[in-house]
PDB file of N, CA and C in Angstrom:
ATOM      1  N   MET A   1     130.186 129.932 102.420  1.00  0.00           N
ATOM      2  CA  MET A   1     131.166 128.872 102.535  1.00  0.00           C
ATOM      3  C   MET A   1     130.524 127.687 103.238  1.00  0.00           C
ATOM      4  N   LEU A   2     130.635 126.553 102.637  1.00  0.00           N
ATOM      5  CA  LEU A   2     130.138 125.336 103.254  1.00  0.00           C
ATOM      6  C   LEU A   2     131.327 124.514 103.713  1.00  0.00           C
ATOM      7  N   GLY A   3     131.421 124.307 104.982  1.00  0.00           N
ATOM      8  CA  GLY A   3     132.504 123.510 105.533  1.00  0.00           C
ATOM      9  C   GLY A   3     132.051 122.863 106.819  1.00  0.00           C
ATOM     10  N   GLN A   4     132.867 121.949 107.304  1.00  0.00           N
ATOM     11  CA  GLN A   4     132.514 121.256 108.535  1.00  0.00           C
ATOM     12  C   GLN A   4     133.469 121.684 109.630  1.00  0.00           C
ATOM     13  N   ARG A   5     132.893 122.056 110.771  1.00  0.00           N
ATOM     14  CA  ARG A   5     133.692 122.404 111.931  1.00  0.00           C
ATOM     15  C   ARG A   5     133.911 121.154 112.767  1.00  0.00           C
ATOM     16  N   LYS A   6     134.860 121.214 113.690  1.00  0.00           N
ATOM     17  CA  LYS A   6     135.125 120.065 114.561  1.00  0.00           C
ATOM     18  C   LYS A   6     133.894 119.677 115.374  1.00  0.00           C
ATOM     19  N   VAL A   7     133.098 120.669 115.771  1.00  0.00           N
ATOM     20  CA  VAL A   7     131.941 120.393 116.623  1.00  0.00           C
ATOM     21  C   VAL A   7     130.723 119.925 115.838  1.00  0.00           C
ATOM     22  N   ASP A   8     130.773 120.026 114.513  1.00  0.00           N
ATOM     23  CA  ASP A   8     129.650 119.569 113.697  1.00  0.00           C
ATOM     24  C   ASP A   8     129.564 118.050 113.708  1.00  0.00           C
ATOM     25  N   ALA A   9     128.340 117.577 113.632  1.00  0.00           N
ATOM     26  CA  ALA A   9     128.137 116.124 113.528  1.00  0.00           C
ATOM     27  C   ALA A   9     128.682 115.641 112.188  1.00  0.00           C
ATOM     28  N   THR A  10     128.916 114.363 112.104  1.00  0.00           N
ATOM     29  CA  THR A  10     129.400 113.810 110.845  1.00  0.00           C
ATOM     30  C   THR A  10     128.363 114.027 109.760  1.00  0.00           C
ATOM     31  N   PRO A  11     128.810 114.164 108.521  1.00  0.00           N
ATOM     32  CA  PRO A  11     127.856 114.402 107.430  1.00  0.00           C
ATOM     33  C   PRO A  11     126.840 113.272 107.322  1.00  0.00           C
ATOM     34  N   ALA A  12     125.625 113.635 106.982  1.00  0.00           N
ATOM     35  CA  ALA A  12     124.565 112.636 106.832  1.00  0.00           C
ATOM     36  C   ALA A  12     123.597 113.114 105.765  1.00  0.00           C
ATOM     37  N   ASN A  13     122.938 112.177 105.156  1.00  0.00           N
ATOM     38  CA  ASN A  13     121.896 112.512 104.192  1.00  0.00           C
ATOM     39  C   ASN A  13     120.570 112.593 104.921  1.00  0.00           C
ATOM     40  N   HIS A  14     119.844 113.669 104.697  1.00  0.00           N
ATOM     41  CA  HIS A  14     118.531 113.849 105.298  1.00  0.00           C
ATOM     42  C   HIS A  14     117.501 113.877 104.183  1.00  0.00           C
ATOM     43  N   PHE A  15     116.507 113.047 104.304  1.00  0.00           N
ATOM     44  CA  PHE A  15     115.468 112.966 103.292  1.00  0.00           C
ATOM     45  C   PHE A  15     114.163 113.469 103.877  1.00  0.00           C
ATOM     46  N   ARG A  16     113.483 114.309 103.141  1.00  0.00           N
ATOM     47  CA  ARG A  16     112.197 114.845 103.573  1.00  0.00           C
ATOM     48  C   ARG A  16     111.120 114.170 102.746  1.00  0.00           C
ATOM     49  N   SER A  17     110.210 113.542 103.413  1.00  0.00           N
ATOM     50  CA  SER A  17     109.115 112.902 102.693  1.00  0.00           C
ATOM     51  C   SER A  17     107.885 113.800 102.760  1.00  0.00           C
ATOM     52  N   GLU A  18     106.945 113.505 101.920  1.00  0.00           N
ATOM     53  CA  GLU A  18     105.699 114.273 101.899  1.00  0.00           C
ATOM     54  C   GLU A  18     104.961 114.067 103.214  1.00  0.00           C
ATOM     55  N   ARG A  19     104.544 115.139 103.833  1.00  0.00           N
ATOM     56  CA  ARG A  19     103.853 115.069 105.123  1.00  0.00           C
ATOM     57  C   ARG A  19     102.400 114.648 104.963  1.00  0.00           C
ATOM     58  N   ILE A  20     101.796 114.961 103.822  1.00  0.00           N
ATOM     59  CA  ILE A  20     100.386 114.654 103.576  1.00  0.00           C
ATOM     60  C   ILE A  20     100.280 113.314 102.858  1.00  0.00           C
ATOM     61  N   SER A  21      99.377 112.459 103.334  1.00  0.00           N
ATOM     62  CA  SER A  21      99.145 111.175 102.669  1.00  0.00           C
ATOM     63  C   SER A  21      97.639 110.944 102.535  1.00  0.00           C
ATOM     64  N   VAL A  22      97.288 110.045 101.624  1.00  0.00           N
ATOM     65  CA  VAL A  22      95.883 109.718 101.376  1.00  0.00           C
ATOM     66  C   VAL A  22      95.661 108.264 101.767  1.00  0.00           C
ATOM     67  N   VAL A  23      94.658 108.031 102.602  1.00  0.00           N
ATOM     68  CA  VAL A  23      94.282 106.684 103.020  1.00  0.00           C
ATOM     69  C   VAL A  23      92.778 106.556 102.818  1.00  0.00           C
ATOM     70  N   ASN A  24      92.382 105.629 101.963  1.00  0.00           N
ATOM     71  CA  ASN A  24      90.963 105.409 101.664  1.00  0.00           C
ATOM     72  C   ASN A  24      90.231 106.699 101.272  1.00  0.00           C
ATOM     73  N   GLY A  25      90.890 107.520 100.474  1.00  0.00           N
ATOM     74  CA  GLY A  25      90.264 108.739  99.986  1.00  0.00           C
ATOM     75  C   GLY A  25      90.227 109.896 100.969  1.00  0.00           C
ATOM     76  N   ARG A  26      90.800 109.732 102.140  1.00  0.00           N
ATOM     77  CA  ARG A  26      90.858 110.795 103.145  1.00  0.00           C
ATOM     78  C   ARG A  26      92.314 111.214 103.323  1.00  0.00           C
ATOM     79  N   TYR A  27      92.514 112.467 103.678  1.00  0.00           N
ATOM     80  CA  TYR A  27      93.860 113.020 103.813  1.00  0.00           C
ATOM     81  C   TYR A  27      94.284 113.058 105.274  1.00  0.00           C
ATOM     82  N   PHE A  28      95.552 112.729 105.501  1.00  0.00           N
ATOM     83  CA  PHE A  28      96.155 112.727 106.827  1.00  0.00           C
ATOM     84  C   PHE A  28      97.507 113.422 106.729  1.00  0.00           C
ATOM     85  N   PHE A  29      98.001 113.920 107.864  1.00  0.00           N
ATOM     86  CA  PHE A  29      99.392 114.372 107.880  1.00  0.00           C
ATOM     87  C   PHE A  29     100.118 113.657 109.002  1.00  0.00           C
ATOM     88  N   SER A  30     101.401 113.419 108.767  1.00  0.00           N
ATOM     89  CA  SER A  30     102.215 112.714 109.750  1.00  0.00           C
ATOM     90  C   SER A  30     102.997 113.725 110.580  1.00  0.00           C
ATOM     91  N   THR A  31     103.235 113.369 111.833  1.00  0.00           N
ATOM     92  CA  THR A  31     103.982 114.229 112.747  1.00  0.00           C
ATOM     93  C   THR A  31     105.350 113.628 113.001  1.00  0.00           C
ATOM     94  N   ARG A  32     106.234 114.409 113.596  1.00  0.00           N
ATOM     95  CA  ARG A  32     107.561 113.897 113.967  1.00  0.00           C
ATOM     96  C   ARG A  32     107.449 112.747 114.959  1.00  0.00           C
ATOM     97  N   GLU A  33     106.383 112.771 115.733  1.00  0.00           N
ATOM     98  CA  GLU A  33     106.185 111.719 116.739  1.00  0.00           C
ATOM     99  C   GLU A  33     105.703 110.415 116.114  1.00  0.00           C
ATOM    100  N   GLY A  34     105.445 110.444 114.814  1.00  0.00           N
ATOM    101  CA  GLY A  34     105.033 109.234 114.114  1.00  0.00           C
ATOM    102  C   GLY A  34     103.535 108.989 114.116  1.00  0.00           C
ATOM    103  N   THR A  35     102.749 110.007 114.431  1.00  0.00           N
ATOM    104  CA  THR A  35     101.297 109.839 114.418  1.00  0.00           C
ATOM    105  C   THR A  35     100.716 110.362 113.113  1.00  0.00           C
ATOM    106  N   LEU A  36      99.554 109.856 112.757  1.00  0.00           N
ATOM    107  CA  LEU A  36      98.802 110.377 111.618  1.00  0.00           C
ATOM    108  C   LEU A  36      97.644 111.190 112.164  1.00  0.00           C
ATOM    109  N   GLU A  37      97.547 112.434 111.750  1.00  0.00           N
ATOM    110  CA  GLU A  37      96.472 113.322 112.186  1.00  0.00           C
ATOM    111  C   GLU A  37      95.459 113.438 111.059  1.00  0.00           C
ATOM    112  N   GLY A  38      94.200 113.329 111.378  1.00  0.00           N
ATOM    113  CA  GLY A  38      93.157 113.424 110.370  1.00  0.00           C
ATOM    114  C   GLY A  38      92.001 112.541 110.775  1.00  0.00           C
ATOM    115  N   PRO A  39      91.114 112.246 109.903  1.00  0.00           N
ATOM    116  CA  PRO A  39      91.127 112.480 108.459  1.00  0.00           C
ATOM    117  C   PRO A  39      90.597 113.868 108.095  1.00  0.00           C
ATOM    118  N   PHE A  40      90.993 114.319 106.905  1.00  0.00           N
ATOM    119  CA  PHE A  40      90.525 115.577 106.339  1.00  0.00           C
ATOM    120  C   PHE A  40      89.942 115.284 104.966  1.00  0.00           C
ATOM    121  N   PHE A  41      88.997 116.097 104.537  1.00  0.00           N
ATOM    122  CA  PHE A  41      88.309 115.861 103.271  1.00  0.00           C
ATOM    123  C   PHE A  41      89.128 116.267 102.056  1.00  0.00           C
ATOM    124  N   SER A  42      90.040 117.231 102.222  1.00  0.00           N
ATOM    125  CA  SER A  42      90.844 117.670 101.081  1.00  0.00           C
ATOM    126  C   SER A  42      92.289 117.879 101.514  1.00  0.00           C
ATOM    127  N   LYS A  43      93.172 117.928 100.527  1.00  0.00           N
ATOM    128  CA  LYS A  43      94.582 118.179 100.809  1.00  0.00           C
ATOM    129  C   LYS A  43      94.753 119.572 101.403  1.00  0.00           C
ATOM    130  N   GLN A  44      93.965 120.525 100.923  1.00  0.00           N
ATOM    131  CA  GLN A  44      94.040 121.889 101.451  1.00  0.00           C
ATOM    132  C   GLN A  44      93.651 121.929 102.929  1.00  0.00           C
ATOM    133  N   ASP A  45      92.627 121.158 103.302  1.00  0.00           N
ATOM    134  CA  ASP A  45      92.236 121.081 104.719  1.00  0.00           C
ATOM    135  C   ASP A  45      93.385 120.515 105.553  1.00  0.00           C
ATOM    136  N   ALA A  46      94.017 119.468 105.059  1.00  0.00           N
ATOM    137  CA  ALA A  46      95.130 118.850 105.784  1.00  0.00           C
ATOM    138  C   ALA A  46      96.296 119.824 105.909  1.00  0.00           C
ATOM    139  N   GLU A  47      96.624 120.537 104.836  1.00  0.00           N
ATOM    140  CA  GLU A  47      97.717 121.512 104.882  1.00  0.00           C
ATOM    141  C   GLU A  47      97.421 122.630 105.877  1.00  0.00           C
ATOM    142  N   ARG A  48      96.181 123.080 105.913  1.00  0.00           N
ATOM    143  CA  ARG A  48      95.789 124.118 106.867  1.00  0.00           C
ATOM    144  C   ARG A  48      95.951 123.601 108.298  1.00  0.00           C
ATOM    145  N   GLU A  49      95.571 122.356 108.529  1.00  0.00           N
ATOM    146  CA  GLU A  49      95.683 121.784 109.870  1.00  0.00           C
ATOM    147  C   GLU A  49      97.134 121.544 110.268  1.00  0.00           C
ATOM    148  N   VAL A  50      98.011 121.283 109.296  1.00  0.00           N
ATOM    149  CA  VAL A  50      99.444 121.174 109.601  1.00  0.00           C
ATOM    150  C   VAL A  50      99.916 122.490 110.210  1.00  0.00           C
ATOM    151  N   SER A  51      99.553 123.600 109.585  1.00  0.00           N
ATOM    152  CA  SER A  51      99.950 124.919 110.100  1.00  0.00           C
ATOM    153  C   SER A  51      99.392 125.160 111.493  1.00  0.00           C
ATOM    154  N   ARG A  52      98.148 124.806 111.699  1.00  0.00           N
ATOM    155  CA  ARG A  52      97.532 124.981 113.027  1.00  0.00           C
ATOM    156  C   ARG A  52      98.197 124.083 114.068  1.00  0.00           C
ATOM    157  N   PHE A  53      98.511 122.851 113.688  1.00  0.00           N
ATOM    158  CA  PHE A  53      99.176 121.902 114.578  1.00  0.00           C
ATOM    159  C   PHE A  53     100.524 122.464 115.031  1.00  0.00           C
ATOM    160  N   ILE A  54     101.308 122.958 114.073  1.00  0.00           N
ATOM    161  CA  ILE A  54     102.621 123.521 114.395  1.00  0.00           C
ATOM    162  C   ILE A  54     102.468 124.740 115.296  1.00  0.00           C
ATOM    163  N   ALA A  55     101.522 125.608 114.990  1.00  0.00           N
ATOM    164  CA  ALA A  55     101.297 126.807 115.810  1.00  0.00           C
ATOM    165  C   ALA A  55     100.917 126.440 117.239  1.00  0.00           C
ATOM    166  N   ARG A  56     100.043 125.437 117.408  1.00  0.00           N
ATOM    167  CA  ARG A  56      99.646 125.001 118.756  1.00  0.00           C
ATOM    168  C   ARG A  56     100.847 124.482 119.532  1.00  0.00           C
ATOM    169  N   HIS A  57     101.683 123.689 118.881  1.00  0.00           N
ATOM    170  CA  HIS A  57     102.839 123.122 119.572  1.00  0.00           C
ATOM    171  C   HIS A  57     103.880 124.185 119.905  1.00  0.00           C
ATOM    172  N   GLU A  58     104.065 125.164 119.032  1.00  0.00           N
ATOM    173  CA  GLU A  58     104.975 126.266 119.343  1.00  0.00           C
ATOM    174  C   GLU A  58     104.442 127.088 120.508  1.00  0.00           C
ATOM    175  N   CYS A  59     103.148 127.324 120.532  1.00  0.00           N
ATOM    176  CA  CYS A  59     102.526 128.070 121.628  1.00  0.00           C
ATOM    177  C   CYS A  59     102.699 127.316 122.946  1.00  0.00           C
ATOM    178  N   ALA A  60     102.452 126.022 122.924  1.00  0.00           N
ATOM    179  CA  ALA A  60     102.601 125.208 124.135  1.00  0.00           C
ATOM    180  C   ALA A  60     104.048 125.215 124.619  1.00  0.00           C
ATOM    181  N   ARG A  61     104.990 125.147 123.693  1.00  0.00           N
ATOM    182  CA  ARG A  61     106.406 125.180 124.069  1.00  0.00           C
ATOM    183  C   ARG A  61     106.752 126.525 124.700  1.00  0.00           C
ATOM    184  N   ASN A  62     106.258 127.605 124.107  1.00  0.00           N
ATOM    185  CA  ASN A  62     106.530 128.939 124.656  1.00  0.00           C
ATOM    186  C   ASN A  62     105.944 129.098 126.049  1.00  0.00           C
ATOM    187  N   ILE A  63     104.745 128.564 126.265  1.00  0.00           N
ATOM    188  CA  ILE A  63     104.118 128.639 127.589  1.00  0.00           C
ATOM    189  C   ILE A  63     104.937 127.855 128.600  1.00  0.00           C
ATOM    190  N   SER A  64     105.376 126.651 128.237  1.00  0.00           N
ATOM    191  CA  SER A  64     106.148 125.838 129.183  1.00  0.00           C
ATOM    192  C   SER A  64     107.498 126.479 129.472  1.00  0.00           C
ATOM    193  N   GLU A  65     108.126 127.105 128.473  1.00  0.00           N
ATOM    194  CA  GLU A  65     109.393 127.800 128.710  1.00  0.00           C
ATOM    195  C   GLU A  65     109.179 129.008 129.612  1.00  0.00           C
ATOM    196  N   TYR A  66     108.069 129.708 129.439  1.00  0.00           N
ATOM    197  CA  TYR A  66     107.755 130.866 130.271  1.00  0.00           C
ATOM    198  C   TYR A  66     107.584 130.436 131.725  1.00  0.00           C
ATOM    199  N   LYS A  67     106.888 129.319 131.953  1.00  0.00           N
ATOM    200  CA  LYS A  67     106.663 128.840 133.318  1.00  0.00           C
ATOM    201  C   LYS A  67     107.975 128.448 133.976  1.00  0.00           C
ATOM    202  N   VAL A  68     108.903 127.894 133.203  1.00  0.00           N
ATOM    203  CA  VAL A  68     110.199 127.496 133.753  1.00  0.00           C
ATOM    204  C   VAL A  68     110.996 128.727 134.169  1.00  0.00           C
ATOM    205  N   LEU A  69     110.891 129.795 133.404  1.00  0.00           N
ATOM    206  CA  LEU A  69     111.651 131.010 133.694  1.00  0.00           C
ATOM    207  C   LEU A  69     111.107 131.779 134.887  1.00  0.00           C
ATOM    208  N   ARG A  70     109.867 131.561 135.259  1.00  0.00           N
ATOM    209  CA  ARG A  70     109.261 132.313 136.367  1.00  0.00           C
ATOM    210  C   ARG A  70     109.725 131.837 137.684  1.00  0.00           C
TER     211      ARG A  70
END
């Protein structure tokens, strides 16, 4: 069932753009913070680094949450 609860935000359209882009023949990926990471030689290299980037940030978040709980 798809419905809106009182506590839900108002409906909005969310658009997902391609994270990987090519600049002067080199591949980059964009982050939520608005930065371009790269350059990489291939799209596959950039995609692999996206996964590593996300994993590093999740690890850092988990470490900081652990320190707060101690």
